[in-house]
Each structure stands twice: as structure tokens, then as C-alpha cells.
């Protein structure tokens, strides 16, 4: 037992990173380390980094610098995507002691043991991410949010979109074995979790690298068949991974929640081609509008990049108009920024910063209007809400189509599913209880 040894964790980026931090944390707690908040003095600070944008890189560096100021004698370790892609340059920072890439995330405790035993060890612990051909199993330490649990099913990406560093940080697509996924979910349902959120880097390609002959749709059917699973959500999906069978599952399986987060990026054919996305606007319209037609009360959210190299006003307008036609309840809008070593960073025709700001502002106005319309559509409708927390006289949770909702607390319990009738006040959705499930 490591009595007196304190460790603090900080996670940036996606739910996959957060899931992996939980597994690392579990190892340390089982070894006897005490977890403290990142604002407290600790012996070890472990930062799980993101590198999806230049802003994420900068934020990671700021967090690491802050750790050393809290305790100059501490050991500061960076892991994650930024550590994988820029390990050597990060080690030049005097506030970073060790760099551990994604390839060696599970070995951080082993590294700390070596440090404490004063054994010689390298400052950079990583290897070529493309040497990883199989999914790396983590200890079952699933990220939980009161009543919802995240389960990682896949890692890596084979798409190599022109703007993206993630394949260099995560490697090729690697699927987790179906049996392992189902075992973890059965453990979670045994603990009382009713909602499972499946996450991965590119989930739609699940199973393509496995000999089991199972694909993403097989996985969804297997997960929803588990007794105790009442709600299933997906982290995100590419438009071209939405096939007819997927649509049928969404439309006909009541456990699949009617919300999808779409990795969209653009709705213009010229820009999509420059991005090296493997689909065009016709597919986007066909798949997303087809889903809305067949899945009751379905809502979409999406990621969109604004100001991609060579994006002209008319290209942006195409994106704007198709997004408006499809209708989204929310957008995550990212002004384009160069990522080193990517194809897009070498493209000519960079968009002026002021033009990017104007387009971002215009799309943000559309986002707010679509959000308003989406909420108004739900007025007087009934929906089921999984109670996630109770605070200041209100219970909070998400509707089936992923609207945040508040309900006056009338003796609710966390993890309880209730049916409510929705109403709108000052732009916020509220629910009036009709019955408990």
C-alpha cells in the first residue's frame, strides 16, 4: 500500500479519453494511492491529453504547467493523443517529467513503480501506434455518470481525413471482442445501470478487423438483447456508416434512443472531397433525412468545421443550407486550424481569419434558431426521462432524444425512469410528471 502517496488526474478531450483515465485511476487506487483533485498538492499528476485542435494542445500545456506550480517536487506525466504525436517536443518543457503515448497508457503505474524504486527508465514511453493490430483490453473501470455508463467498443481510425491527426495518435481501427463488451455491460446492468453509451473513435467500422464475422449492427442487436439494458446511446457516427439495417434497428428497437451525434464536418461536395471524406452531400441527405422519416422524434447533433482551406462563400452557403434543411438540435462548430503533418495543412487557399469568424457567427445563429425550434417541437409531448441528479428542488435528466430537462422534485430517485409531459419556459425545457415507469 502506498500510504501517503497522492495522485491527481486531469482528462482533456473525448469520452474515450475519459473512459481510459478511469481504467488508469483504478490501477492506482487498487495499489493504495490516494486520489486528490487536480487543484491540490499531489505526488503525481497524470494528464490524459487531446490533440484534435491546436486549442486542445495549448490547453494541455497550460494544465501541465499548472501542475508543477502546485508542487515543484511532483512527477508530472502526460499521456494520451498529444503525448503520442508530439512526445519528444513535449519533453523539452521543464514542467513535464515523463511522456507516455497511447500505446503504453496501461503501463503508467508500472512507470511510477520504477520511478519510486529509483530504477533507470526512459523519459518517453511509447512505440509506433501503427504496430498495434489488436484492441488493447482495459480493466473494467467503466466511466459512470450517476445513472449512465460508457462502454468503449473500438479504437483507432482508418479514414485519414486530410485535416485530422487522430489516426497518428490512435492508430488503425481495432475492435474490441464482442464477448468482452457484453460481459462488461452485464456487469453494469447487475450494478443497476439502465443506460449504456457506446463509444469509440470510429464506431461504424466495428468488427471489420475481427474474425468473429460480427459487425456494428450485430453488436447493437446483442447489446439491446441484454436483460436490464433499457436505453442505448451512441457516442457518434459517420454519415456513410448509416446503412439500411442500422436505420431499421433505430426505427424498430425501442431501446435505441432517438438521438445521433453525426461526424458531419461539411455539407459541400468540393470541401468534403478536399477533406478526403468518403461521401458527398447526396448521401448525407439520403441517410439523415431517411432516418428522420422513419425514427419518431429523432434529433441530430453534429460536428462542423468552418473555414476549411479553399472553402469559398458559396461552399459555406451549401453547408449552411443543407444543415438548415435537415435540422439539428445542436452543433459543435470548429473554426479550421492547421494540424502539423496533415495533408490539409499543406493546402493552398487558406481562409482569412475574419471570414472564418463571420461564417462561424452565421452558423452559430442558425444553431441557436434550430435549438429553439427543436425545443418548441417537444412542447406538450410525452417522453421518458432517466433521472441523473437532484439539486435545489429539481430533478435533471435527458429526454429520449437528448434534450436536457428539469422536473420539480416530487420524491424522485437517481436512476429512476419517469414519464413527463414537456413544457417550455424562458428557453428551457421542463417536465411535468405523468407517471413513473
Protein backbone atom coordinates (compact mmCIF):
# COMPACT_ATOMS: atom_id res chain seq x y z
CA UNK A 1 0.00 0.00 0.00
CA UNK A 2 1.33 3.44 -0.94
CA UNK A 3 0.33 5.24 2.26
CA UNK A 4 0.68 8.99 1.93
CA UNK A 5 1.24 8.94 -1.84
CA UNK A 6 -1.22 11.16 -3.65
CA UNK A 7 -2.15 11.17 -7.34
CA UNK A 8 -4.25 13.63 -9.34
CA UNK A 9 -5.79 13.10 -12.79
CA UNK A 10 -6.88 15.55 -15.48
CA UNK A 11 -8.56 14.48 -18.71
CA UNK A 12 -8.99 16.53 -21.86
CA UNK A 13 -10.94 15.66 -24.99
CA UNK A 14 -13.34 12.90 -25.87
CA UNK A 15 -15.29 10.34 -23.87
CA UNK A 16 -12.81 7.66 -24.99
CA UNK A 17 -10.05 9.52 -23.16
CA UNK A 18 -12.24 9.87 -20.08
CA UNK A 19 -13.03 6.17 -20.16
CA UNK A 20 -9.33 5.30 -20.35
CA UNK A 21 -8.47 7.62 -17.46
CA UNK A 22 -10.89 5.66 -15.29
CA UNK A 23 -9.01 2.44 -16.06
CA UNK A 24 -5.66 4.03 -15.16
CA UNK A 25 -7.15 5.50 -12.00
CA UNK A 26 -8.49 2.08 -10.95
CA UNK A 27 -4.96 0.64 -11.10
CA UNK A 28 -3.60 3.37 -8.80
CA UNK A 29 -6.43 3.13 -6.28
CA UNK A 30 -6.07 -0.64 -6.05
CA UNK A 31 -2.35 -0.12 -5.39
CA UNK A 32 -3.20 2.12 -2.42
CA UNK A 33 -2.63 5.60 -3.84
CA UNK A 34 -4.93 8.37 -2.67
CA UNK A 35 -6.70 10.36 -5.39
CA UNK A 36 -6.89 14.13 -4.86
CA UNK A 37 -8.29 16.88 -7.06
CA UNK A 38 -6.01 18.46 -9.64
CA UNK A 39 -6.08 21.72 -7.65
CA UNK A 40 -4.42 20.05 -4.65
CA UNK A 41 -0.85 19.17 -3.87
CA UNK A 42 -0.03 15.68 -5.18
CA UNK A 43 2.99 13.46 -5.65
CA UNK A 44 1.96 12.52 -9.17
CA UNK A 45 -0.03 14.50 -11.72
CA UNK A 46 -1.27 12.49 -14.70
CA UNK A 47 -2.74 14.41 -17.64
CA UNK A 48 -4.58 12.48 -20.37
CA UNK A 49 -4.24 14.79 -23.36
CA UNK A 50 -6.13 15.67 -26.54
CA UNK A 51 -4.70 16.92 -29.83
CA UNK A 52 -7.77 17.27 -32.03
CA UNK A 53 -7.21 21.05 -32.33
CA UNK A 54 -4.37 23.50 -31.67
CA UNK A 55 -6.50 24.91 -28.85
CA UNK A 56 -6.54 21.47 -27.22
CA UNK A 57 -2.72 21.36 -27.42
CA UNK A 58 -2.44 24.77 -25.77
CA UNK A 59 -4.89 23.86 -23.02
CA UNK A 60 -2.95 20.67 -22.31
CA UNK A 61 0.31 22.61 -21.92
CA UNK A 62 -1.35 25.08 -19.56
CA UNK A 63 -2.70 22.28 -17.37
CA UNK A 64 0.71 20.59 -17.21
CA UNK A 65 2.43 23.85 -16.27
CA UNK A 66 -0.13 24.44 -13.52
CA UNK A 67 0.60 21.00 -12.01
CA UNK A 68 4.30 21.72 -11.50
CA UNK A 69 3.46 25.02 -9.81
CA UNK A 70 1.27 23.21 -7.28
CA UNK A 71 4.18 21.01 -6.24
CA UNK A 72 7.59 21.61 -7.78
CA UNK A 73 8.78 18.24 -6.42
CA UNK A 74 5.95 16.31 -8.03
CA UNK A 75 6.26 13.96 -11.00
CA UNK A 76 4.20 15.23 -13.95
CA UNK A 77 3.21 12.65 -16.57
CA UNK A 78 1.45 13.36 -19.85
CA UNK A 79 -0.30 10.59 -21.74
CA UNK A 80 -2.94 10.46 -24.49
CA UNK A 81 -3.09 11.70 -28.07
CA UNK A 82 -0.84 14.77 -27.75
CA UNK A 83 1.75 12.62 -25.97
CA UNK A 84 1.61 10.05 -28.78
CA UNK A 85 2.09 12.53 -31.63
CA UNK A 86 4.48 15.08 -30.04
CA UNK A 87 6.28 13.18 -27.28
CA UNK A 88 9.85 14.34 -27.90
CA UNK A 89 8.95 18.03 -28.20
CA UNK A 90 6.79 17.88 -25.05
CA UNK A 91 9.71 16.52 -23.05
CA UNK A 92 11.57 19.75 -23.79
CA UNK A 93 9.14 21.53 -21.44
CA UNK A 94 10.69 21.82 -17.98
CA UNK A 95 7.31 21.19 -16.32
CA UNK A 96 6.91 17.72 -17.86
CA UNK A 97 8.83 14.75 -16.39
CA UNK A 98 7.57 11.78 -18.43
CA UNK A 99 5.68 11.24 -21.67
CA UNK A 100 3.59 8.09 -22.14
CA UNK A 101 1.91 7.56 -25.51
CA UNK A 102 -1.48 5.97 -26.15
CA UNK A 103 0.36 2.77 -26.99
CA UNK A 104 1.57 2.44 -23.39
CA UNK A 105 -1.25 4.03 -21.39
CA UNK A 106 -1.83 0.89 -19.35
CA UNK A 107 1.82 0.91 -18.17
CA UNK A 108 1.74 4.21 -16.26
CA UNK A 109 1.54 2.50 -12.87
CA UNK A 110 4.50 0.32 -13.89
CA UNK A 111 6.42 3.50 -14.77
CA UNK A 112 5.62 5.04 -11.38
CA UNK A 113 6.82 1.91 -9.60
CA UNK A 114 10.13 2.18 -11.49
CA UNK A 115 10.45 5.84 -10.50
CA UNK A 116 9.86 5.03 -6.82
CA UNK A 117 12.32 2.16 -6.92
CA UNK A 118 14.85 4.59 -8.46
CA UNK A 119 15.41 2.33 -11.44
CA UNK A 120 16.63 3.84 -14.68
CA UNK A 121 13.74 4.43 -17.05
CA UNK A 122 13.25 6.35 -20.27
CA UNK A 123 11.55 9.70 -20.18
CA UNK A 124 9.43 8.84 -23.23
CA UNK A 125 7.44 5.60 -23.04
CA UNK A 126 5.85 4.93 -26.42
CA UNK A 127 6.10 2.94 -29.61
CA UNK A 128 4.78 3.18 -33.15
CA UNK A 129 0.98 3.26 -32.84
CA UNK A 130 0.65 1.51 -36.21
CA UNK A 131 2.32 -1.58 -34.72
CA UNK A 132 -0.86 -2.15 -32.70
CA UNK A 133 -3.09 -4.55 -34.63
CA UNK A 134 -5.45 -5.71 -31.87
CA UNK A 135 -7.65 -3.86 -29.43
CA UNK A 136 -5.95 -3.36 -26.06
CA UNK A 137 -8.22 -4.62 -23.30
CA UNK A 138 -8.52 -2.29 -20.31
CA UNK A 139 -9.55 -3.27 -16.82
CA UNK A 140 -13.30 -2.95 -16.31
CA UNK A 141 -13.41 0.54 -14.84
CA UNK A 142 -16.19 2.00 -16.91
CA UNK A 143 -16.82 5.72 -16.78
CA UNK A 144 -20.08 6.29 -14.97
CA UNK A 145 -22.27 9.39 -14.73
CA UNK A 146 -24.63 8.62 -11.85
CA UNK A 147 -27.14 6.64 -13.92
CA UNK A 148 -25.38 6.28 -17.30
CA UNK A 149 -22.33 4.16 -18.12
CA UNK A 150 -19.93 4.45 -21.07
CA UNK A 151 -18.52 1.35 -22.73
CA UNK A 152 -15.63 1.54 -25.20
CA UNK A 153 -16.06 -0.80 -28.17
CA UNK A 154 -13.36 0.29 -30.63
CA UNK A 155 -10.18 2.34 -31.03
CA UNK A 156 -8.31 3.94 -33.92
CA UNK A 157 -9.38 5.10 -37.38
CA UNK A 158 -8.56 4.12 -40.96
CA UNK A 159 -10.13 7.17 -42.63
CA UNK A 160 -7.11 9.54 -42.64
CA UNK A 161 -9.19 12.65 -43.29
CA UNK A 162 -6.92 15.40 -44.57
CA UNK A 163 -7.30 17.69 -41.52
CA UNK A 164 -7.06 15.08 -38.76
CA UNK A 165 -4.18 13.91 -36.54
CA UNK A 166 -6.20 11.23 -34.74
CA UNK A 167 -5.03 8.21 -36.82
CA UNK A 168 -1.45 9.17 -35.90
CA UNK A 169 -2.47 9.36 -32.23
CA UNK A 170 -4.74 6.31 -32.13
CA UNK A 171 -3.53 4.08 -34.96
CA UNK A 172 -5.57 1.83 -37.21
CA UNK A 173 -9.09 0.75 -36.32
CA UNK A 174 -9.15 -2.06 -33.75
CA UNK A 175 -12.38 -3.60 -32.47
CA UNK A 176 -12.95 -4.98 -29.01
CA UNK A 177 -14.19 -8.57 -28.95
CA UNK A 178 -17.96 -8.83 -28.73
CA UNK A 179 -17.87 -11.20 -25.74
CA UNK A 180 -15.79 -8.72 -23.74
CA UNK A 181 -18.20 -5.87 -24.47
CA UNK A 182 -21.25 -7.91 -23.50
CA UNK A 183 -19.56 -9.14 -20.30
CA UNK A 184 -18.86 -5.58 -19.19
CA UNK A 185 -22.42 -4.45 -19.94
CA UNK A 186 -23.86 -7.38 -17.98
CA UNK A 187 -21.71 -6.33 -15.02
CA UNK A 188 -23.03 -2.78 -15.34
CA UNK A 189 -26.67 -3.82 -15.54
CA UNK A 190 -26.07 -6.02 -12.50
CA UNK A 191 -24.94 -2.85 -10.70
CA UNK A 192 -28.19 -1.15 -11.69
CA UNK A 193 -27.19 0.92 -14.72
CA UNK A 194 -30.07 1.28 -17.17
CA UNK A 195 -28.49 3.42 -19.89
CA UNK A 196 -25.40 2.32 -21.83
CA UNK A 197 -23.48 4.72 -24.08
CA UNK A 198 -21.24 3.02 -26.63
CA UNK A 199 -18.10 4.98 -27.52
CA UNK A 200 -15.15 4.64 -29.89
CA UNK A 201 -13.08 6.64 -32.36
CA UNK A 202 -14.99 5.40 -35.46
CA UNK A 203 -17.66 3.02 -34.18
CA UNK A 204 -19.36 2.39 -37.51
CA UNK A 205 -16.49 0.18 -38.69
CA UNK A 206 -16.78 -2.06 -35.64
CA UNK A 207 -15.98 -5.69 -36.39
CA UNK A 208 -14.29 -5.20 -39.77
CA UNK A 209 -10.96 -6.32 -38.28
CA UNK A 210 -12.33 -9.24 -36.26
CA UNK A 211 -12.58 -12.87 -37.31
CA UNK A 212 -15.87 -13.22 -35.46
CA UNK A 213 -17.84 -12.10 -38.54
CA UNK A 214 -19.82 -9.61 -36.44
CA UNK A 215 -20.44 -6.00 -37.45
CA UNK A 216 -21.75 -2.85 -35.78
CA UNK A 217 -25.39 -3.75 -36.33
CA UNK A 218 -24.82 -7.24 -34.83
CA UNK A 219 -23.31 -5.55 -31.80
CA UNK A 220 -26.31 -3.23 -31.36
CA UNK A 221 -28.72 -6.14 -31.51
CA UNK A 222 -26.65 -8.12 -28.98
CA UNK A 223 -26.41 -5.18 -26.55
CA UNK A 224 -30.12 -4.35 -26.66
CA UNK A 225 -30.95 -8.03 -26.06
CA UNK A 226 -29.26 -7.95 -22.64
CA UNK A 227 -31.75 -8.07 -19.78
CA UNK A 228 -31.53 -4.89 -17.72
CA UNK A 229 -30.38 -2.65 -20.59
CA UNK A 230 -33.21 -0.18 -21.05
CA UNK A 231 -31.58 2.61 -23.07
CA UNK A 232 -28.68 2.58 -25.55
CA UNK A 233 -26.97 5.67 -26.96
CA UNK A 234 -24.10 6.06 -29.42
CA UNK A 235 -21.16 8.41 -28.98
CA UNK A 236 -21.03 9.45 -32.66
CA UNK A 237 -21.28 8.02 -36.16
CA UNK A 238 -20.13 8.94 -39.69
CA UNK A 239 -22.91 9.55 -42.25
CA UNK A 240 -21.58 6.83 -44.56
CA UNK A 241 -21.77 4.23 -41.79
CA UNK A 242 -25.55 4.64 -41.61
CA UNK A 243 -26.93 1.74 -43.68
CA UNK A 244 -30.44 0.35 -44.17
CA UNK A 245 -30.06 -2.22 -41.40
CA UNK A 246 -28.88 0.46 -38.98
CA UNK A 247 -31.92 2.58 -39.83
CA UNK A 248 -34.21 -0.40 -39.24
CA UNK A 249 -32.66 -1.01 -35.83
CA UNK A 250 -33.06 2.65 -34.87
CA UNK A 251 -36.66 2.65 -36.07
CA UNK A 252 -37.82 -0.65 -34.60
CA UNK A 253 -35.85 -1.21 -31.39
CA UNK A 254 -37.33 0.84 -28.55
CA UNK A 255 -34.11 0.57 -26.52
CA UNK A 256 -32.23 2.64 -29.11
CA UNK A 257 -32.61 6.26 -28.09
CA UNK A 258 -33.74 8.60 -30.91
CA UNK A 259 -30.65 10.79 -30.99
CA UNK A 260 -27.45 10.59 -33.03
CA UNK A 261 -24.33 12.72 -32.98
CA UNK A 262 -23.07 12.94 -36.56
CA UNK A 263 -19.44 13.45 -37.53
CA UNK A 264 -20.53 15.76 -40.36
CA UNK A 265 -17.73 18.36 -40.87
CA UNK A 266 -19.16 19.86 -44.09
CA UNK A 267 -22.17 19.70 -46.40
CA UNK A 268 -20.42 20.81 -49.60
CA UNK A 269 -19.10 18.32 -52.15
CA UNK A 270 -15.93 20.27 -53.02
CA UNK A 271 -14.96 20.70 -49.38
CA UNK A 272 -15.80 17.10 -48.49
CA UNK A 273 -13.50 15.96 -51.31
CA UNK A 274 -10.68 18.17 -50.02
CA UNK A 275 -11.28 16.77 -46.55
CA UNK A 276 -10.96 13.25 -48.01
CA UNK A 277 -14.33 12.30 -46.59
CA UNK A 278 -15.73 9.23 -48.32
CA UNK A 279 -19.20 10.55 -49.01
CA UNK A 280 -20.97 13.51 -50.62
CA UNK A 281 -24.00 15.66 -49.96
CA UNK A 282 -26.40 13.27 -51.68
CA UNK A 283 -25.51 10.55 -49.18
CA UNK A 284 -25.89 12.99 -46.26
CA UNK A 285 -29.39 13.97 -47.43
CA UNK A 286 -30.42 10.39 -48.17
CA UNK A 287 -29.22 8.90 -44.90
CA UNK A 288 -30.14 11.64 -42.43
CA UNK A 289 -33.48 12.60 -43.92
CA UNK A 290 -34.26 8.89 -44.32
CA UNK A 291 -33.59 8.38 -40.63
CA UNK A 292 -35.79 11.32 -39.64
CA UNK A 293 -38.61 9.94 -41.75
CA UNK A 294 -38.51 6.52 -40.07
CA UNK A 295 -37.46 7.25 -36.48
CA UNK A 296 -40.05 9.06 -34.38
CA UNK A 297 -38.88 12.27 -32.66
CA UNK A 298 -35.27 11.71 -33.82
CA UNK A 299 -32.82 14.54 -33.11
CA UNK A 300 -29.36 15.09 -34.59
CA UNK A 301 -26.36 16.94 -33.22
CA UNK A 302 -23.18 17.31 -35.26
CA UNK A 303 -19.57 18.47 -35.58
CA UNK A 304 -18.91 21.07 -38.31
CA UNK A 305 -15.62 22.61 -39.46
CA UNK A 306 -15.82 26.21 -40.71
CA UNK A 307 -13.23 27.87 -42.96
CA UNK A 308 -11.53 24.79 -44.36
CA UNK A 309 -8.79 25.66 -46.93
CA UNK A 310 -10.33 26.71 -50.27
CA UNK A 311 -13.82 26.98 -48.75
CA UNK A 312 -15.48 29.85 -50.62
CA UNK A 313 -18.62 31.71 -49.60
CA UNK A 314 -20.73 29.52 -51.87
CA UNK A 315 -19.24 26.33 -50.36
CA UNK A 316 -20.08 27.57 -46.89
CA UNK A 317 -23.56 28.54 -48.03
CA UNK A 318 -24.15 25.00 -49.29
CA UNK A 319 -23.21 23.67 -45.85
CA UNK A 320 -25.45 26.23 -44.16
CA UNK A 321 -28.48 25.45 -46.30
CA UNK A 322 -28.27 21.67 -46.01
CA UNK A 323 -27.80 21.85 -42.23
CA UNK A 324 -30.86 24.11 -42.08
CA UNK A 325 -32.87 21.70 -44.26
CA UNK A 326 -32.00 18.62 -42.21
CA UNK A 327 -32.45 20.35 -38.85
CA UNK A 328 -30.19 19.77 -35.85
CA UNK A 329 -30.85 20.31 -32.15
CA UNK A 330 -27.24 21.39 -31.58
CA UNK A 331 -23.94 21.88 -33.41
CA UNK A 332 -20.32 21.78 -32.30
CA UNK A 333 -18.69 24.39 -34.54
CA UNK A 334 -14.92 24.37 -35.05
CA UNK A 335 -13.10 27.12 -36.97
CA UNK A 336 -10.46 25.27 -39.02
CA UNK A 337 -6.89 25.30 -37.72
CA UNK A 338 -3.84 23.61 -39.29
CA UNK A 339 -2.64 20.44 -37.63
CA UNK A 340 1.01 19.67 -38.31
CA UNK A 341 1.85 16.81 -40.69
CA UNK A 342 -1.69 16.67 -42.10
CA UNK A 343 -2.50 16.98 -45.81
CA UNK A 344 -4.81 19.94 -45.18
CA UNK A 345 -2.04 21.96 -43.54
CA UNK A 346 -0.22 21.97 -46.89
CA UNK A 347 -3.24 23.04 -48.95
CA UNK A 348 -3.28 26.47 -50.57
CA UNK A 349 -6.21 28.84 -50.26
CA UNK A 350 -6.26 29.32 -46.51
CA UNK A 351 -9.40 31.20 -45.42
CA UNK A 352 -8.92 34.64 -43.89
CA UNK A 353 -9.44 34.76 -40.13
CA UNK A 354 -12.16 37.42 -40.37
CA UNK A 355 -14.06 35.34 -42.92
CA UNK A 356 -13.86 32.34 -40.60
CA UNK A 357 -15.27 34.45 -37.76
CA UNK A 358 -18.16 35.72 -39.93
CA UNK A 359 -19.07 32.20 -41.07
CA UNK A 360 -18.79 30.84 -37.55
CA UNK A 361 -21.05 33.60 -36.25
CA UNK A 362 -23.62 32.97 -39.01
CA UNK A 363 -23.66 29.22 -38.31
CA UNK A 364 -23.89 29.89 -34.58
CA UNK A 365 -27.02 32.00 -35.18
CA UNK A 366 -28.52 29.10 -37.15
CA UNK A 367 -27.56 26.70 -34.34
CA UNK A 368 -29.46 28.80 -31.80
CA UNK A 369 -32.52 29.02 -34.07
CA UNK A 370 -32.53 25.26 -34.71
CA UNK A 371 -32.17 24.61 -30.99
CA UNK A 372 -35.19 26.85 -30.31
CA UNK A 373 -37.28 25.12 -32.98
CA UNK A 374 -36.24 21.70 -31.72
CA UNK A 375 -37.36 22.52 -28.20
CA UNK A 376 -40.63 24.01 -29.39
CA UNK A 377 -41.42 20.81 -31.30
CA UNK A 378 -41.41 18.96 -27.98
CA UNK A 379 -43.98 21.14 -26.21
CA UNK A 380 -46.89 19.08 -24.85
CA UNK A 381 -45.23 15.82 -25.95
CA UNK A 382 -44.68 12.96 -23.52
CA UNK A 383 -41.23 11.49 -23.09
CA UNK A 384 -39.34 9.23 -20.71
CA UNK A 385 -36.53 10.75 -18.66
CA UNK A 386 -33.79 8.94 -16.76
CA UNK A 387 -33.19 10.92 -13.54
CA UNK A 388 -29.47 11.69 -13.34
CA UNK A 389 -29.23 14.08 -10.42
CA UNK A 390 -31.37 16.05 -7.98
CA UNK A 391 -30.38 19.54 -6.88
CA UNK A 392 -32.06 22.64 -5.42
CA UNK A 393 -35.54 21.18 -5.64
CA UNK A 394 -35.23 20.00 -9.25
CA UNK A 395 -34.50 16.63 -10.80
CA UNK A 396 -32.42 16.67 -14.00
CA UNK A 397 -32.06 14.23 -16.86
CA UNK A 398 -32.24 13.83 -20.62
CA UNK A 399 -35.23 13.14 -22.80
CA UNK A 400 -35.04 10.14 -25.07
CA UNK A 401 -33.98 12.44 -27.93
CA UNK A 402 -31.31 14.08 -25.75
CA UNK A 403 -32.79 17.35 -24.57
CA UNK A 404 -31.73 18.40 -21.10
CA UNK A 405 -34.86 18.64 -18.97
CA UNK A 406 -35.75 19.78 -15.45
CA UNK A 407 -38.56 18.49 -13.26
CA UNK A 408 -39.80 19.79 -9.92
CA UNK A 409 -38.61 17.19 -7.43
CA UNK A 410 -41.50 15.15 -6.11
CA UNK A 411 -39.55 12.44 -4.39
CA UNK A 412 -37.58 11.25 -7.40
CA UNK A 413 -34.64 8.89 -7.10
CA UNK A 414 -31.48 8.94 -9.18
CA UNK A 415 -31.59 6.22 -11.86
CA UNK A 416 -35.39 6.22 -11.92
CA UNK A 417 -37.19 6.49 -15.27
CA UNK A 418 -40.23 8.75 -15.29
CA UNK A 419 -42.66 9.79 -17.99
CA UNK A 420 -43.24 13.53 -18.26
CA UNK A 421 -45.13 15.98 -20.43
CA UNK A 422 -42.80 18.71 -21.67
CA UNK A 423 -43.31 22.46 -21.49
CA UNK A 424 -41.06 25.42 -22.27
CA UNK A 425 -40.22 28.37 -20.04
CA UNK A 426 -37.70 31.07 -20.93
CA UNK A 427 -35.98 28.79 -23.43
CA UNK A 428 -35.62 25.83 -21.05
CA UNK A 429 -37.48 22.52 -21.24
CA UNK A 430 -39.30 21.33 -18.15
CA UNK A 431 -41.24 18.17 -17.49
CA UNK A 432 -44.49 17.61 -15.62
CA UNK A 433 -44.70 14.06 -14.33
CA UNK A 434 -47.41 11.85 -15.78
CA UNK A 435 -46.22 8.55 -14.31
CA UNK A 436 -43.21 6.63 -13.04
CA UNK A 437 -42.04 3.65 -15.05
